[in-house]
Amino acid sequence: MSAAASFFWVVAATKVLLSVPIQIGAARKRTPERLKMALGQRKDDWLAMAVMVVALVCDEYPLTGWMYLKIKSAMYELFGVTPNVAGWTYLFGTVLLAWLVQRTMLRLRCIQSR
């Protein structure tokens, strides 16, 4: 596993673990405010899950060099070998998950201050 993949999964695990207190807090105290936070958190969790599934699929099926293998013609001269899709997925996925972790931390701070 590459360093980018390891860092991605560490951020993903952090996102999952930080989401748990918000959902448990909303289940214990069913105030409209906490339920609204839990609903927003659930939407963020679905987005995080989609990013993780895309990362798993891209890591399982690396799409490097497919244009060269499919079209051995002038297209190769124009575009060359395609970039590593799994690497870009980890990069953008890590940035997106870090943003979602920040949103989760803000929600946790809001819950703890009340």
PDB file of N, CA and C in Angstrom:
ATOM      1  N   MET A   1       0.848  -1.171   0.000  1.00  0.00           N
ATOM      2  CA  MET A   1       0.000   0.000   0.000  1.00  0.00           C
ATOM      3  C   MET A   1       0.895   1.236   0.000  1.00  0.00           C
ATOM      4  N   SER A   2       0.556   2.180  -0.838  1.00  0.00           N
ATOM      5  CA  SER A   2       1.364   3.389  -0.948  1.00  0.00           C
ATOM      6  C   SER A   2       1.111   4.325   0.228  1.00  0.00           C
ATOM      7  N   ALA A   3       1.968   5.317   0.357  1.00  0.00           N
ATOM      8  CA  ALA A   3       1.813   6.295   1.435  1.00  0.00           C
ATOM      9  C   ALA A   3       0.531   7.102   1.249  1.00  0.00           C
ATOM     10  N   ALA A   4       0.192   7.431  -0.004  1.00  0.00           N
ATOM     11  CA  ALA A   4      -1.038   8.179  -0.274  1.00  0.00           C
ATOM     12  C   ALA A   4      -2.262   7.369   0.121  1.00  0.00           C
ATOM     13  N   ALA A   5      -2.242   6.084  -0.186  1.00  0.00           N
ATOM     14  CA  ALA A   5      -3.370   5.223   0.177  1.00  0.00           C
ATOM     15  C   ALA A   5      -3.475   5.084   1.690  1.00  0.00           C
ATOM     16  N   SER A   6      -2.348   4.915   2.360  1.00  0.00           N
ATOM     17  CA  SER A   6      -2.367   4.801   3.820  1.00  0.00           C
ATOM     18  C   SER A   6      -2.914   6.066   4.469  1.00  0.00           C
ATOM     19  N   PHE A   7      -2.469   7.222   3.991  1.00  0.00           N
ATOM     20  CA  PHE A   7      -2.952   8.486   4.542  1.00  0.00           C
ATOM     21  C   PHE A   7      -4.444   8.662   4.275  1.00  0.00           C
ATOM     22  N   PHE A   8      -4.892   8.296   3.084  1.00  0.00           N
ATOM     23  CA  PHE A   8      -6.320   8.363   2.752  1.00  0.00           C
ATOM     24  C   PHE A   8      -7.139   7.543   3.733  1.00  0.00           C
ATOM     25  N   TRP A   9      -6.705   6.309   4.015  1.00  0.00           N
ATOM     26  CA  TRP A   9      -7.490   5.439   4.888  1.00  0.00           C
ATOM     27  C   TRP A   9      -7.417   5.879   6.341  1.00  0.00           C
ATOM     28  N   VAL A  10      -6.332   6.522   6.744  1.00  0.00           N
ATOM     29  CA  VAL A  10      -6.265   7.087   8.099  1.00  0.00           C
ATOM     30  C   VAL A  10      -7.271   8.223   8.238  1.00  0.00           C
ATOM     31  N   VAL A  11      -7.335   9.095   7.236  1.00  0.00           N
ATOM     32  CA  VAL A  11      -8.304  10.196   7.269  1.00  0.00           C
ATOM     33  C   VAL A  11      -9.728   9.652   7.211  1.00  0.00           C
ATOM     34  N   ALA A  12      -9.959   8.615   6.413  1.00  0.00           N
ATOM     35  CA  ALA A  12     -11.288   8.008   6.325  1.00  0.00           C
ATOM     36  C   ALA A  12     -11.702   7.386   7.661  1.00  0.00           C
ATOM     37  N   ALA A  13     -10.780   6.697   8.311  1.00  0.00           N
ATOM     38  CA  ALA A  13     -11.094   6.098   9.618  1.00  0.00           C
ATOM     39  C   ALA A  13     -11.372   7.182  10.657  1.00  0.00           C
ATOM     40  N   THR A  14     -10.628   8.269  10.601  1.00  0.00           N
ATOM     41  CA  THR A  14     -10.864   9.393  11.504  1.00  0.00           C
ATOM     42  C   THR A  14     -12.255   9.958  11.286  1.00  0.00           C
ATOM     43  N   LYS A  15     -12.647  10.091  10.040  1.00  0.00           N
ATOM     44  CA  LYS A  15     -13.980  10.606   9.710  1.00  0.00           C
ATOM     45  C   LYS A  15     -15.062   9.710  10.294  1.00  0.00           C
ATOM     46  N   VAL A  16     -14.916   8.427  10.141  1.00  0.00           N
ATOM     47  CA  VAL A  16     -15.916   7.480  10.646  1.00  0.00           C
ATOM     48  C   VAL A  16     -15.980   7.529  12.165  1.00  0.00           C
ATOM     49  N   LEU A  17     -14.832   7.527  12.823  1.00  0.00           N
ATOM     50  CA  LEU A  17     -14.817   7.513  14.285  1.00  0.00           C
ATOM     51  C   LEU A  17     -15.347   8.811  14.893  1.00  0.00           C
ATOM     52  N   LEU A  18     -15.120   9.934  14.229  1.00  0.00           N
ATOM     53  CA  LEU A  18     -15.627  11.197  14.748  1.00  0.00           C
ATOM     54  C   LEU A  18     -17.134  11.353  14.535  1.00  0.00           C
ATOM     55  N   SER A  19     -17.696  10.625  13.603  1.00  0.00           N
ATOM     56  CA  SER A  19     -19.135  10.720  13.341  1.00  0.00           C
ATOM     57  C   SER A  19     -19.976  10.028  14.401  1.00  0.00           C
ATOM     58  N   VAL A  20     -19.414   9.057  15.055  1.00  0.00           N
ATOM     59  CA  VAL A  20     -20.170   8.250  16.016  1.00  0.00           C
ATOM     60  C   VAL A  20     -20.734   9.078  17.173  1.00  0.00           C
ATOM     61  N   PRO A  21     -19.972   9.944  17.840  1.00  0.00           N
ATOM     62  CA  PRO A  21     -20.550  10.697  18.964  1.00  0.00           C
ATOM     63  C   PRO A  21     -21.720  11.595  18.569  1.00  0.00           C
ATOM     64  N   ILE A  22     -21.704  12.112  17.359  1.00  0.00           N
ATOM     65  CA  ILE A  22     -22.805  12.966  16.921  1.00  0.00           C
ATOM     66  C   ILE A  22     -24.086  12.150  16.791  1.00  0.00           C
ATOM     67  N   GLN A  23     -23.988  10.993  16.201  1.00  0.00           N
ATOM     68  CA  GLN A  23     -25.176  10.153  16.031  1.00  0.00           C
ATOM     69  C   GLN A  23     -25.688   9.624  17.373  1.00  0.00           C
ATOM     70  N   ILE A  24     -24.767   9.245  18.249  1.00  0.00           N
ATOM     71  CA  ILE A  24     -25.183   8.765  19.575  1.00  0.00           C
ATOM     72  C   ILE A  24     -25.810   9.892  20.378  1.00  0.00           C
ATOM     73  N   GLY A  25     -25.220  11.079  20.318  1.00  0.00           N
ATOM     74  CA  GLY A  25     -25.783  12.230  21.032  1.00  0.00           C
ATOM     75  C   GLY A  25     -27.171  12.594  20.541  1.00  0.00           C
ATOM     76  N   ALA A  26     -27.389  12.486  19.243  1.00  0.00           N
ATOM     77  CA  ALA A  26     -28.717  12.783  18.689  1.00  0.00           C
ATOM     78  C   ALA A  26     -29.735  11.725  19.102  1.00  0.00           C
ATOM     79  N   ALA A  27     -29.277  10.480  19.240  1.00  0.00           N
ATOM     80  CA  ALA A  27     -30.193   9.422  19.662  1.00  0.00           C
ATOM     81  C   ALA A  27     -30.562   9.556  21.137  1.00  0.00           C
ATOM     82  N   ARG A  28     -29.630  10.031  21.950  1.00  0.00           N
ATOM     83  CA  ARG A  28     -29.907  10.179  23.389  1.00  0.00           C
ATOM     84  C   ARG A  28     -30.799  11.378  23.678  1.00  0.00           C
ATOM     85  N   LYS A  29     -30.438  12.523  23.130  1.00  0.00           N
ATOM     86  CA  LYS A  29     -31.223  13.746  23.333  1.00  0.00           C
ATOM     87  C   LYS A  29     -31.847  14.125  22.004  1.00  0.00           C
ATOM     88  N   ARG A  30     -33.085  13.843  21.872  1.00  0.00           N
ATOM     89  CA  ARG A  30     -33.765  14.064  20.599  1.00  0.00           C
ATOM     90  C   ARG A  30     -34.320  15.484  20.493  1.00  0.00           C
ATOM     91  N   THR A  31     -33.458  16.456  20.616  1.00  0.00           N
ATOM     92  CA  THR A  31     -33.868  17.844  20.431  1.00  0.00           C
ATOM     93  C   THR A  31     -33.834  18.171  18.942  1.00  0.00           C
ATOM     94  N   PRO A  32     -34.621  19.127  18.504  1.00  0.00           N
ATOM     95  CA  PRO A  32     -34.605  19.472  17.073  1.00  0.00           C
ATOM     96  C   PRO A  32     -33.220  19.900  16.573  1.00  0.00           C
ATOM     97  N   GLU A  33     -32.484  20.575  17.423  1.00  0.00           N
ATOM     98  CA  GLU A  33     -31.144  21.026  17.040  1.00  0.00           C
ATOM     99  C   GLU A  33     -30.205  19.845  16.808  1.00  0.00           C
ATOM    100  N   ARG A  34     -30.221  18.890  17.729  1.00  0.00           N
ATOM    101  CA  ARG A  34     -29.342  17.716  17.579  1.00  0.00           C
ATOM    102  C   ARG A  34     -29.771  16.833  16.416  1.00  0.00           C
ATOM    103  N   LEU A  35     -31.067  16.725  16.211  1.00  0.00           N
ATOM    104  CA  LEU A  35     -31.542  15.932  15.078  1.00  0.00           C
ATOM    105  C   LEU A  35     -31.139  16.582  13.749  1.00  0.00           C
ATOM    106  N   LYS A  36     -31.147  17.906  13.703  1.00  0.00           N
ATOM    107  CA  LYS A  36     -30.712  18.611  12.498  1.00  0.00           C
ATOM    108  C   LYS A  36     -29.222  18.380  12.253  1.00  0.00           C
ATOM    109  N   MET A  37     -28.430  18.421  13.326  1.00  0.00           N
ATOM    110  CA  MET A  37     -26.993  18.139  13.186  1.00  0.00           C
ATOM    111  C   MET A  37     -26.758  16.707  12.726  1.00  0.00           C
ATOM    112  N   ALA A  38     -27.531  15.784  13.289  1.00  0.00           N
ATOM    113  CA  ALA A  38     -27.369  14.377  12.909  1.00  0.00           C
ATOM    114  C   ALA A  38     -27.753  14.156  11.452  1.00  0.00           C
ATOM    115  N   LEU A  39     -28.776  14.862  10.973  1.00  0.00           N
ATOM    116  CA  LEU A  39     -29.169  14.732   9.574  1.00  0.00           C
ATOM    117  C   LEU A  39     -28.065  15.262   8.658  1.00  0.00           C
ATOM    118  N   GLY A  40     -27.491  16.413   9.001  1.00  0.00           N
ATOM    119  CA  GLY A  40     -26.373  16.940   8.213  1.00  0.00           C
ATOM    120  C   GLY A  40     -25.169  16.022   8.255  1.00  0.00           C
ATOM    121  N   GLN A  41     -24.922  15.433   9.415  1.00  0.00           N
ATOM    122  CA  GLN A  41     -23.800  14.496   9.555  1.00  0.00           C
ATOM    123  C   GLN A  41     -24.046  13.253   8.719  1.00  0.00           C
ATOM    124  N   ARG A  42     -25.281  12.796   8.693  1.00  0.00           N
ATOM    125  CA  ARG A  42     -25.598  11.605   7.909  1.00  0.00           C
ATOM    126  C   ARG A  42     -25.350  11.862   6.423  1.00  0.00           C
ATOM    127  N   LYS A  43     -25.693  13.063   5.948  1.00  0.00           N
ATOM    128  CA  LYS A  43     -25.421  13.399   4.545  1.00  0.00           C
ATOM    129  C   LYS A  43     -23.921  13.416   4.276  1.00  0.00           C
ATOM    130  N   ASP A  44     -23.153  13.971   5.199  1.00  0.00           N
ATOM    131  CA  ASP A  44     -21.691  13.962   5.061  1.00  0.00           C
ATOM    132  C   ASP A  44     -21.149  12.541   5.070  1.00  0.00           C
ATOM    133  N   ASP A  45     -21.741  11.685   5.907  1.00  0.00           N
ATOM    134  CA  ASP A  45     -21.295  10.293   5.977  1.00  0.00           C
ATOM    135  C   ASP A  45     -21.564   9.552   4.668  1.00  0.00           C
ATOM    136  N   TRP A  46     -22.691   9.824   4.032  1.00  0.00           N
ATOM    137  CA  TRP A  46     -22.977   9.196   2.744  1.00  0.00           C
ATOM    138  C   TRP A  46     -21.969   9.642   1.689  1.00  0.00           C
ATOM    139  N   LEU A  47     -21.621  10.925   1.697  1.00  0.00           N
ATOM    140  CA  LEU A  47     -20.612  11.426   0.762  1.00  0.00           C
ATOM    141  C   LEU A  47     -19.262  10.768   1.022  1.00  0.00           C
ATOM    142  N   ALA A  48     -18.891  10.647   2.300  1.00  0.00           N
ATOM    143  CA  ALA A  48     -17.626   9.994   2.651  1.00  0.00           C
ATOM    144  C   ALA A  48     -17.626   8.534   2.215  1.00  0.00           C
ATOM    145  N   MET A  49     -18.762   7.862   2.390  1.00  0.00           N
ATOM    146  CA  MET A  49     -18.847   6.471   1.977  1.00  0.00           C
ATOM    147  C   MET A  49     -18.677   6.341   0.461  1.00  0.00           C
ATOM    148  N   ALA A  50     -19.281   7.258  -0.295  1.00  0.00           N
ATOM    149  CA  ALA A  50     -19.146   7.218  -1.753  1.00  0.00           C
ATOM    150  C   ALA A  50     -17.690   7.424  -2.166  1.00  0.00           C
ATOM    151  N   VAL A  51     -16.990   8.332  -1.497  1.00  0.00           N
ATOM    152  CA  VAL A  51     -15.575   8.571  -1.799  1.00  0.00           C
ATOM    153  C   VAL A  51     -14.758   7.315  -1.502  1.00  0.00           C
ATOM    154  N   MET A  52     -15.054   6.646  -0.393  1.00  0.00           N
ATOM    155  CA  MET A  52     -14.313   5.430  -0.036  1.00  0.00           C
ATOM    156  C   MET A  52     -14.575   4.303  -1.035  1.00  0.00           C
ATOM    157  N   VAL A  53     -15.814   4.179  -1.516  1.00  0.00           N
ATOM    158  CA  VAL A  53     -16.126   3.138  -2.505  1.00  0.00           C
ATOM    159  C   VAL A  53     -15.401   3.422  -3.818  1.00  0.00           C
ATOM    160  N   VAL A  54     -15.383   4.686  -4.240  1.00  0.00           N
ATOM    161  CA  VAL A  54     -14.658   5.048  -5.462  1.00  0.00           C
ATOM    162  C   VAL A  54     -13.169   4.734  -5.301  1.00  0.00           C
ATOM    163  N   ALA A  55     -12.616   5.016  -4.129  1.00  0.00           N
ATOM    164  CA  ALA A  55     -11.199   4.714  -3.892  1.00  0.00           C
ATOM    165  C   ALA A  55     -10.941   3.213  -3.958  1.00  0.00           C
ATOM    166  N   LEU A  56     -11.843   2.431  -3.392  1.00  0.00           N
ATOM    167  CA  LEU A  56     -11.673   0.973  -3.458  1.00  0.00           C
ATOM    168  C   LEU A  56     -11.734   0.468  -4.895  1.00  0.00           C
ATOM    169  N   VAL A  57     -12.679   0.979  -5.664  1.00  0.00           N
ATOM    170  CA  VAL A  57     -12.823   0.531  -7.054  1.00  0.00           C
ATOM    171  C   VAL A  57     -11.612   0.956  -7.884  1.00  0.00           C
ATOM    172  N   CYS A  58     -11.177   2.201  -7.725  1.00  0.00           N
ATOM    173  CA  CYS A  58     -10.026   2.674  -8.499  1.00  0.00           C
ATOM    174  C   CYS A  58      -8.739   1.975  -8.089  1.00  0.00           C
ATOM    175  N   ASP A  59      -8.630   1.600  -6.834  1.00  0.00           N
ATOM    176  CA  ASP A  59      -7.432   0.897  -6.391  1.00  0.00           C
ATOM    177  C   ASP A  59      -7.436  -0.544  -6.889  1.00  0.00           C
ATOM    178  N   GLU A  60      -8.606  -1.139  -6.978  1.00  0.00           N
ATOM    179  CA  GLU A  60      -8.713  -2.520  -7.437  1.00  0.00           C
ATOM    180  C   GLU A  60      -8.463  -2.629  -8.943  1.00  0.00           C
ATOM    181  N   TYR A  61      -8.912  -1.649  -9.691  1.00  0.00           N
ATOM    182  CA  TYR A  61      -8.771  -1.659 -11.142  1.00  0.00           C
ATOM    183  C   TYR A  61      -7.983  -0.434 -11.585  1.00  0.00           C
ATOM    184  N   PRO A  62      -6.664  -0.478 -11.531  1.00  0.00           N
ATOM    185  CA  PRO A  62      -5.886   0.696 -11.947  1.00  0.00           C
ATOM    186  C   PRO A  62      -6.099   0.962 -13.434  1.00  0.00           C
ATOM    187  N   LEU A  63      -6.383   2.210 -13.752  1.00  0.00           N
ATOM    188  CA  LEU A  63      -6.711   2.571 -15.125  1.00  0.00           C
ATOM    189  C   LEU A  63      -5.552   3.275 -15.810  1.00  0.00           C
ATOM    190  N   THR A  64      -4.345   2.884 -15.502  1.00  0.00           N
ATOM    191  CA  THR A  64      -3.191   3.538 -16.120  1.00  0.00           C
ATOM    192  C   THR A  64      -2.922   2.921 -17.481  1.00  0.00           C
ATOM    193  N   GLY A  65      -2.706   3.768 -18.438  1.00  0.00           N
ATOM    194  CA  GLY A  65      -2.282   3.311 -19.741  1.00  0.00           C
ATOM    195  C   GLY A  65      -3.342   2.684 -20.613  1.00  0.00           C
ATOM    196  N   TRP A  66      -4.599   2.827 -20.281  1.00  0.00           N
ATOM    197  CA  TRP A  66      -5.627   2.165 -21.075  1.00  0.00           C
ATOM    198  C   TRP A  66      -5.722   2.726 -22.495  1.00  0.00           C
ATOM    199  N   MET A  67      -5.441   4.019 -22.660  1.00  0.00           N
ATOM    200  CA  MET A  67      -5.549   4.601 -23.997  1.00  0.00           C
ATOM    201  C   MET A  67      -4.483   4.015 -24.924  1.00  0.00           C
ATOM    202  N   TYR A  68      -3.302   3.803 -24.388  1.00  0.00           N
ATOM    203  CA  TYR A  68      -2.227   3.226 -25.193  1.00  0.00           C
ATOM    204  C   TYR A  68      -2.566   1.793 -25.587  1.00  0.00           C
ATOM    205  N   LEU A  69      -3.159   1.058 -24.673  1.00  0.00           N
ATOM    206  CA  LEU A  69      -3.471  -0.340 -24.959  1.00  0.00           C
ATOM    207  C   LEU A  69      -4.639  -0.473 -25.928  1.00  0.00           C
ATOM    208  N   LYS A  70      -5.596   0.415 -25.858  1.00  0.00           N
ATOM    209  CA  LYS A  70      -6.781   0.320 -26.720  1.00  0.00           C
ATOM    210  C   LYS A  70      -6.539   0.909 -28.109  1.00  0.00           C
ATOM    211  N   ILE A  71      -5.890   2.034 -28.160  1.00  0.00           N
ATOM    212  CA  ILE A  71      -5.751   2.759 -29.425  1.00  0.00           C
ATOM    213  C   ILE A  71      -4.269   2.956 -29.720  1.00  0.00           C
ATOM    214  N   LYS A  72      -3.684   2.103 -30.491  1.00  0.00           N
ATOM    215  CA  LYS A  72      -2.264   2.244 -30.833  1.00  0.00           C
ATOM    216  C   LYS A  72      -2.170   3.015 -32.143  1.00  0.00           C
ATOM    217  N   SER A  73      -2.513   4.269 -32.056  1.00  0.00           N
ATOM    218  CA  SER A  73      -2.539   5.078 -33.279  1.00  0.00           C
ATOM    219  C   SER A  73      -2.112   6.505 -32.949  1.00  0.00           C
ATOM    220  N   ALA A  74      -2.620   7.435 -33.705  1.00  0.00           N
ATOM    221  CA  ALA A  74      -2.270   8.839 -33.530  1.00  0.00           C
ATOM    222  C   ALA A  74      -2.758   9.394 -32.200  1.00  0.00           C
ATOM    223  N   MET A  75      -3.774   8.776 -31.601  1.00  0.00           N
ATOM    224  CA  MET A  75      -4.266   9.229 -30.303  1.00  0.00           C
ATOM    225  C   MET A  75      -3.165   9.126 -29.250  1.00  0.00           C
ATOM    226  N   TYR A  76      -2.348   8.084 -29.334  1.00  0.00           N
ATOM    227  CA  TYR A  76      -1.252   7.936 -28.379  1.00  0.00           C
ATOM    228  C   TYR A  76      -0.261   9.083 -28.518  1.00  0.00           C
ATOM    229  N   GLU A  77       0.008   9.479 -29.737  1.00  0.00           N
ATOM    230  CA  GLU A  77       0.938  10.581 -29.957  1.00  0.00           C
ATOM    231  C   GLU A  77       0.384  11.892 -29.422  1.00  0.00           C
ATOM    232  N   LEU A  78      -0.947  12.046 -29.486  1.00  0.00           N
ATOM    233  CA  LEU A  78      -1.563  13.276 -28.993  1.00  0.00           C
ATOM    234  C   LEU A  78      -1.637  13.323 -27.466  1.00  0.00           C
ATOM    235  N   PHE A  79      -2.074  12.237 -26.854  1.00  0.00           N
ATOM    236  CA  PHE A  79      -2.368  12.257 -25.422  1.00  0.00           C
ATOM    237  C   PHE A  79      -1.383  11.489 -24.555  1.00  0.00           C
ATOM    238  N   GLY A  80      -0.675  10.553 -25.112  1.00  0.00           N
ATOM    239  CA  GLY A  80       0.252   9.754 -24.312  1.00  0.00           C
ATOM    240  C   GLY A  80      -0.496   8.793 -23.399  1.00  0.00           C
ATOM    241  N   VAL A  81       0.186   8.343 -22.384  1.00  0.00           N
ATOM    242  CA  VAL A  81      -0.415   7.410 -21.425  1.00  0.00           C
ATOM    243  C   VAL A  81      -1.223   8.211 -20.417  1.00  0.00           C
ATOM    244  N   THR A  82      -2.383   7.718 -20.094  1.00  0.00           N
ATOM    245  CA  THR A  82      -3.246   8.433 -19.150  1.00  0.00           C
ATOM    246  C   THR A  82      -2.631   8.419 -17.752  1.00  0.00           C
ATOM    247  N   PRO A  83      -2.965   9.402 -16.919  1.00  0.00           N
ATOM    248  CA  PRO A  83      -2.408   9.439 -15.570  1.00  0.00           C
ATOM    249  C   PRO A  83      -3.004   8.346 -14.688  1.00  0.00           C
ATOM    250  N   ASN A  84      -2.364   8.114 -13.576  1.00  0.00           N
ATOM    251  CA  ASN A  84      -2.799   7.101 -12.637  1.00  0.00           C
ATOM    252  C   ASN A  84      -4.077   7.575 -11.935  1.00  0.00           C
ATOM    253  N   VAL A  85      -5.189   6.965 -12.264  1.00  0.00           N
ATOM    254  CA  VAL A  85      -6.481   7.383 -11.725  1.00  0.00           C
ATOM    255  C   VAL A  85      -6.554   7.106 -10.221  1.00  0.00           C
ATOM    256  N   ALA A  86      -5.970   6.017  -9.768  1.00  0.00           N
ATOM    257  CA  ALA A  86      -6.012   5.700  -8.343  1.00  0.00           C
ATOM    258  C   ALA A  86      -5.282   6.775  -7.531  1.00  0.00           C
ATOM    259  N   GLY A  87      -4.168   7.247  -8.023  1.00  0.00           N
ATOM    260  CA  GLY A  87      -3.429   8.294  -7.315  1.00  0.00           C
ATOM    261  C   GLY A  87      -4.221   9.582  -7.210  1.00  0.00           C
ATOM    262  N   TRP A  88      -4.862   9.982  -8.313  1.00  0.00           N
ATOM    263  CA  TRP A  88      -5.695  11.190  -8.287  1.00  0.00           C
ATOM    264  C   TRP A  88      -6.905  10.996  -7.384  1.00  0.00           C
ATOM    265  N   THR A  89      -7.451   9.797  -7.379  1.00  0.00           N
ATOM    266  CA  THR A  89      -8.596   9.518  -6.501  1.00  0.00           C
ATOM    267  C   THR A  89      -8.187   9.663  -5.044  1.00  0.00           C
ATOM    268  N   TYR A  90      -7.015   9.140  -4.688  1.00  0.00           N
ATOM    269  CA  TYR A  90      -6.552   9.287  -3.307  1.00  0.00           C
ATOM    270  C   TYR A  90      -6.301  10.742  -2.959  1.00  0.00           C
ATOM    271  N   LEU A  91      -5.748  11.495  -3.889  1.00  0.00           N
ATOM    272  CA  LEU A  91      -5.474  12.904  -3.627  1.00  0.00           C
ATOM    273  C   LEU A  91      -6.762  13.688  -3.389  1.00  0.00           C
ATOM    274  N   PHE A  92      -7.686  13.625  -4.337  1.00  0.00           N
ATOM    275  CA  PHE A  92      -8.931  14.376  -4.194  1.00  0.00           C
ATOM    276  C   PHE A  92      -9.799  13.816  -3.069  1.00  0.00           C
ATOM    277  N   GLY A  93      -9.772  12.504  -2.887  1.00  0.00           N
ATOM    278  CA  GLY A  93     -10.538  11.895  -1.792  1.00  0.00           C
ATOM    279  C   GLY A  93     -10.021  12.326  -0.431  1.00  0.00           C
ATOM    280  N   THR A  94      -8.708  12.426  -0.280  1.00  0.00           N
ATOM    281  CA  THR A  94      -8.133  12.860   0.991  1.00  0.00           C
ATOM    282  C   THR A  94      -8.515  14.306   1.287  1.00  0.00           C
ATOM    283  N   VAL A  95      -8.476  15.149   0.267  1.00  0.00           N
ATOM    284  CA  VAL A  95      -8.862  16.550   0.464  1.00  0.00           C
ATOM    285  C   VAL A  95     -10.329  16.641   0.852  1.00  0.00           C
ATOM    286  N   LEU A  96     -11.185  15.905   0.165  1.00  0.00           N
ATOM    287  CA  LEU A  96     -12.617  15.930   0.473  1.00  0.00           C
ATOM    288  C   LEU A  96     -12.892  15.380   1.863  1.00  0.00           C
ATOM    289  N   LEU A  97     -12.251  14.287   2.225  1.00  0.00           N
ATOM    290  CA  LEU A  97     -12.463  13.709   3.556  1.00  0.00           C
ATOM    291  C   LEU A  97     -11.918  14.627   4.649  1.00  0.00           C
ATOM    292  N   ALA A  98     -10.827  15.309   4.395  1.00  0.00           N
ATOM    293  CA  ALA A  98     -10.302  16.253   5.387  1.00  0.00           C
ATOM    294  C   ALA A  98     -11.298  17.394   5.610  1.00  0.00           C
ATOM    295  N   TRP A  99     -11.928  17.847   4.545  1.00  0.00           N
ATOM    296  CA  TRP A  99     -12.967  18.878   4.675  1.00  0.00           C
ATOM    297  C   TRP A  99     -14.155  18.353   5.477  1.00  0.00           C
ATOM    298  N   LEU A 100     -14.547  17.102   5.237  1.00  0.00           N
ATOM    299  CA  LEU A 100     -15.646  16.513   5.998  1.00  0.00           C
ATOM    300  C   LEU A 100     -15.268  16.308   7.469  1.00  0.00           C
ATOM    301  N   VAL A 101     -14.007  15.982   7.745  1.00  0.00           N
ATOM    302  CA  VAL A 101     -13.544  15.866   9.132  1.00  0.00           C
ATOM    303  C   VAL A 101     -13.636  17.226   9.815  1.00  0.00           C
ATOM    304  N   GLN A 102     -13.280  18.274   9.101  1.00  0.00           N
ATOM    305  CA  GLN A 102     -13.377  19.618   9.678  1.00  0.00           C
ATOM    306  C   GLN A 102     -14.834  19.954  10.017  1.00  0.00           C
ATOM    307  N   ARG A 103     -15.762  19.625   9.135  1.00  0.00           N
ATOM    308  CA  ARG A 103     -17.184  19.877   9.410  1.00  0.00           C
ATOM    309  C   ARG A 103     -17.656  19.070  10.615  1.00  0.00           C
ATOM    310  N   THR A 104     -17.185  17.848  10.737  1.00  0.00           N
ATOM    311  CA  THR A 104     -17.554  17.013  11.880  1.00  0.00           C
ATOM    312  C   THR A 104     -17.005  17.600  13.172  1.00  0.00           C
ATOM    313  N   MET A 105     -15.770  18.083  13.137  1.00  0.00           N
ATOM    314  CA  MET A 105     -15.183  18.700  14.328  1.00  0.00           C
ATOM    315  C   MET A 105     -15.976  19.944  14.751  1.00  0.00           C
ATOM    316  N   LEU A 106     -16.438  20.726  13.798  1.00  0.00           N
ATOM    317  CA  LEU A 106     -17.258  21.892  14.128  1.00  0.00           C
ATOM    318  C   LEU A 106     -18.567  21.475  14.796  1.00  0.00           C
ATOM    319  N   ARG A 107     -19.170  20.422  14.300  1.00  0.00           N
ATOM    320  CA  ARG A 107     -20.405  19.921  14.917  1.00  0.00           C
ATOM    321  C   ARG A 107     -20.141  19.408  16.327  1.00  0.00           C
ATOM    322  N   LEU A 108     -19.023  18.710  16.513  1.00  0.00           N
ATOM    323  CA  LEU A 108     -18.691  18.216  17.849  1.00  0.00           C
ATOM    324  C   LEU A 108     -18.452  19.357  18.832  1.00  0.00           C
ATOM    325  N   ARG A 109     -17.761  20.394  18.385  1.00  0.00           N
ATOM    326  CA  ARG A 109     -17.542  21.558  19.247  1.00  0.00           C
ATOM    327  C   ARG A 109     -18.859  22.229  19.612  1.00  0.00           C
ATOM    328  N   CYS A 110     -19.762  22.294  18.656  1.00  0.00           N
ATOM    329  CA  CYS A 110     -21.072  22.901  18.900  1.00  0.00           C
ATOM    330  C   CYS A 110     -21.866  22.088  19.923  1.00  0.00           C
ATOM    331  N   ILE A 111     -21.790  20.787  19.840  1.00  0.00           N
ATOM    332  CA  ILE A 111     -22.503  19.916  20.790  1.00  0.00           C
ATOM    333  C   ILE A 111     -21.869  20.026  22.178  1.00  0.00           C
ATOM    334  N   GLN A 112     -20.558  20.053  22.261  1.00  0.00           N
ATOM    335  CA  GLN A 112     -19.878  20.088  23.549  1.00  0.00           C
ATOM    336  C   GLN A 112     -20.049  21.438  24.254  1.00  0.00           C
ATOM    337  N   SER A 113     -20.245  22.499  23.491  1.00  0.00           N
ATOM    338  CA  SER A 113     -20.395  23.817  24.124  1.00  0.00           C
ATOM    339  C   SER A 113     -21.790  24.019  24.725  1.00  0.00           C
ATOM    340  N   ARG A 114     -22.721  23.149  24.387  1.00  0.00           N
ATOM    341  CA  ARG A 114     -24.094  23.300  24.920  1.00  0.00           C
ATOM    342  C   ARG A 114     -24.393  22.345  26.004  1.00  0.00           C
TER     343      ARG A 114
END
